[in-house]
Amino acid sequence: MVKKKVMFLCTQNSARSQMAEGILRHFYGNNFEVFSAGSHPSNVNPKSIEVMDEIGINISHHRSKSLKEFLGQEFDFVITVCDKARATCPFFPGTATKYLHWSFPDPAEATGSEEEIRVVFREIRDDLKSKIEKELGKK
């Protein structure tokens, strides 16, 4: 069986796309080859690493990547995970069989106490997991 290639995109490749990459690889890695990137990569958010570790997924070895690293590659799915209009999310200039847009708020913009911010990261993680199960888990 040939694995389908999936690219998750967001602006900084620091939280949502990193968590989505980790979730899809962990639960469905037998069916998918998984990548993530951003239009303006920064660093993987430590809270993303922390909340993923809580569910047994280690993304501490991940790094923020520029979508430029993947130019010329073909993907079966390119999925943006921004909460803003599609027009402001990164566009993948390569070849994809299917483009999807999943609107998720950026947990890095959460305010409040450390625990309140951590709760937001957990909510996004869990919402991503549910969306992945629903949209890709059966493919």
Foldseek 3Di string as FASTA:
>chain_A
DDAFEEEEEFAAQAALRLLLQQLCCVPPVVRHDYYYAHQHHDFHDPLRQVLCVVVPTHSVVPGHHHLVVCAAHEGQEYEYAAQDPPVPTDDRPYHYVYYYYHHDYDLVPDDDDPVRSSVSSNVSSVVSNVCCCVPPVVD
